């Protein structure tokens, strides 16, 4: 799947890229912090893959933060020539 097609599903694109490169235990998503009031939290999540590549994403839900982290990591990996 070309990089541009991953914009609709960055988590799936990152998963596919990790499988294509046979990166073990990748991708992984780690919660970093939750800020804001309890009725409107903002989640920050780190997405990382084997090789030390990682990016942060924020969102109003954990899922949204994971999607943004995956999107940021895909951009990083594209810039590094790994897509």
C-alpha atoms as a PDB file:
ATOM      1  CA  UNK A   1       0.000   0.000   0.000  1.00  0.00           C
ATOM      2  CA  UNK A   2       1.528   3.373  -0.923  1.00  0.00           C
ATOM      3  CA  UNK A   3       2.251   5.879   1.825  1.00  0.00           C
ATOM      4  CA  UNK A   4      -0.474   8.283   0.657  1.00  0.00           C
ATOM      5  CA  UNK A   5      -3.152   5.595   1.094  1.00  0.00           C
ATOM      6  CA  UNK A   6      -2.218   5.301   4.776  1.00  0.00           C
ATOM      7  CA  UNK A   7      -3.668   8.711   5.613  1.00  0.00           C
ATOM      8  CA  UNK A   8      -7.140   7.173   6.029  1.00  0.00           C
ATOM      9  CA  UNK A   9      -5.853   4.439   8.358  1.00  0.00           C
ATOM     10  CA  UNK A  10      -2.453   5.353   9.814  1.00  0.00           C
ATOM     11  CA  UNK A  11      -2.516   2.593  12.448  1.00  0.00           C
ATOM     12  CA  UNK A  12      -3.153  -0.029   9.759  1.00  0.00           C
ATOM     13  CA  UNK A  13      -0.472   1.478   7.554  1.00  0.00           C
ATOM     14  CA  UNK A  14       2.056   1.411  10.369  1.00  0.00           C
ATOM     15  CA  UNK A  15       1.134  -2.201  11.155  1.00  0.00           C
ATOM     16  CA  UNK A  16       1.558  -3.161   7.494  1.00  0.00           C
ATOM     17  CA  UNK A  17       4.925  -1.395   7.291  1.00  0.00           C
ATOM     18  CA  UNK A  18       6.155  -3.151  10.443  1.00  0.00           C
ATOM     19  CA  UNK A  19       5.109  -6.525   9.031  1.00  0.00           C
ATOM     20  CA  UNK A  20       6.772  -5.805   5.687  1.00  0.00           C
ATOM     21  CA  UNK A  21      10.058  -4.976   7.449  1.00  0.00           C
ATOM     22  CA  UNK A  22       9.620  -7.880   9.924  1.00  0.00           C
ATOM     23  CA  UNK A  23      10.080  -5.545  12.886  1.00  0.00           C
ATOM     24  CA  UNK A  24       9.395  -7.636  16.000  1.00  0.00           C
ATOM     25  CA  UNK A  25       6.897  -6.342  18.568  1.00  0.00           C
ATOM     26  CA  UNK A  26       6.059  -3.378  16.349  1.00  0.00           C
ATOM     27  CA  UNK A  27       4.263  -1.098  16.365  1.00  0.00           C
ATOM     28  CA  UNK A  28       3.789  -0.458  20.068  1.00  0.00           C
ATOM     29  CA  UNK A  29       1.653   2.258  21.626  1.00  0.00           C
ATOM     30  CA  UNK A  30       2.476   3.609  25.086  1.00  0.00           C
ATOM     31  CA  UNK A  31       0.364   6.074  27.054  1.00  0.00           C
ATOM     32  CA  UNK A  32       2.491   9.096  28.009  1.00  0.00           C
ATOM     33  CA  UNK A  33       0.111  11.367  29.903  1.00  0.00           C
ATOM     34  CA  UNK A  34      -3.462  12.500  30.382  1.00  0.00           C
ATOM     35  CA  UNK A  35      -4.037  16.215  30.905  1.00  0.00           C
ATOM     36  CA  UNK A  36      -7.026  18.489  31.182  1.00  0.00           C
ATOM     37  CA  UNK A  37     -10.163  18.236  33.294  1.00  0.00           C
ATOM     38  CA  UNK A  38     -11.765  14.855  33.934  1.00  0.00           C
ATOM     39  CA  UNK A  39     -14.739  15.731  31.712  1.00  0.00           C
ATOM     40  CA  UNK A  40     -12.472  16.649  28.762  1.00  0.00           C
ATOM     41  CA  UNK A  41      -9.173  14.767  29.004  1.00  0.00           C
ATOM     42  CA  UNK A  42      -6.413  15.069  26.420  1.00  0.00           C
ATOM     43  CA  UNK A  43      -4.387  11.899  25.896  1.00  0.00           C
ATOM     44  CA  UNK A  44      -0.788  11.772  24.719  1.00  0.00           C
ATOM     45  CA  UNK A  45       0.460   8.465  23.292  1.00  0.00           C
ATOM     46  CA  UNK A  46       3.839   7.396  21.930  1.00  0.00           C
ATOM     47  CA  UNK A  47       3.988   5.095  18.907  1.00  0.00           C
ATOM     48  CA  UNK A  48       7.265   3.267  18.378  1.00  0.00           C
ATOM     49  CA  UNK A  49       8.781   0.596  16.153  1.00  0.00           C
ATOM     50  CA  UNK A  50      11.935  -1.468  16.282  1.00  0.00           C
ATOM     51  CA  UNK A  51      15.001   0.613  15.555  1.00  0.00           C
ATOM     52  CA  UNK A  52      14.246   3.398  18.002  1.00  0.00           C
ATOM     53  CA  UNK A  53      11.833   5.318  15.783  1.00  0.00           C
ATOM     54  CA  UNK A  54       9.043   6.950  17.805  1.00  0.00           C
ATOM     55  CA  UNK A  55       6.530   9.795  17.620  1.00  0.00           C
ATOM     56  CA  UNK A  56       3.914  11.359  19.877  1.00  0.00           C
ATOM     57  CA  UNK A  57       0.255  12.005  19.189  1.00  0.00           C
ATOM     58  CA  UNK A  58      -2.499  13.701  21.177  1.00  0.00           C
ATOM     59  CA  UNK A  59      -6.262  13.380  21.073  1.00  0.00           C
ATOM     60  CA  UNK A  60      -9.497  13.525  23.010  1.00  0.00           C
ATOM     61  CA  UNK A  61      -9.549   9.716  23.211  1.00  0.00           C
ATOM     62  CA  UNK A  62      -6.790   7.133  23.518  1.00  0.00           C
ATOM     63  CA  UNK A  63      -7.655   5.852  20.036  1.00  0.00           C
ATOM     64  CA  UNK A  64      -7.444   9.339  18.510  1.00  0.00           C
ATOM     65  CA  UNK A  65      -4.062   9.880  20.175  1.00  0.00           C
ATOM     66  CA  UNK A  66      -2.819   6.527  18.816  1.00  0.00           C
ATOM     67  CA  UNK A  67      -3.966   7.466  15.297  1.00  0.00           C
ATOM     68  CA  UNK A  68      -2.134  10.805  15.489  1.00  0.00           C
ATOM     69  CA  UNK A  69       1.005   9.114  16.856  1.00  0.00           C
ATOM     70  CA  UNK A  70       0.903   6.553  14.026  1.00  0.00           C
ATOM     71  CA  UNK A  71       0.439   9.334  11.457  1.00  0.00           C
ATOM     72  CA  UNK A  72       3.422  11.255  12.885  1.00  0.00           C
ATOM     73  CA  UNK A  73       5.577   8.121  12.977  1.00  0.00           C
ATOM     74  CA  UNK A  74       4.706   7.248   9.374  1.00  0.00           C
ATOM     75  CA  UNK A  75       5.836  10.733   8.333  1.00  0.00           C
ATOM     76  CA  UNK A  76       9.070  10.271  10.243  1.00  0.00           C
ATOM     77  CA  UNK A  77       9.676   6.877   8.650  1.00  0.00           C
ATOM     78  CA  UNK A  78       8.913   8.285   5.193  1.00  0.00           C
ATOM     79  CA  UNK A  79      11.478  11.057   5.744  1.00  0.00           C
ATOM     80  CA  UNK A  80      13.999   8.386   6.785  1.00  0.00           C
ATOM     81  CA  UNK A  81      13.298   6.418   3.590  1.00  0.00           C
ATOM     82  CA  UNK A  82      11.790   3.437   5.391  1.00  0.00           C
ATOM     83  CA  UNK A  83       8.326   3.381   3.807  1.00  0.00           C
END
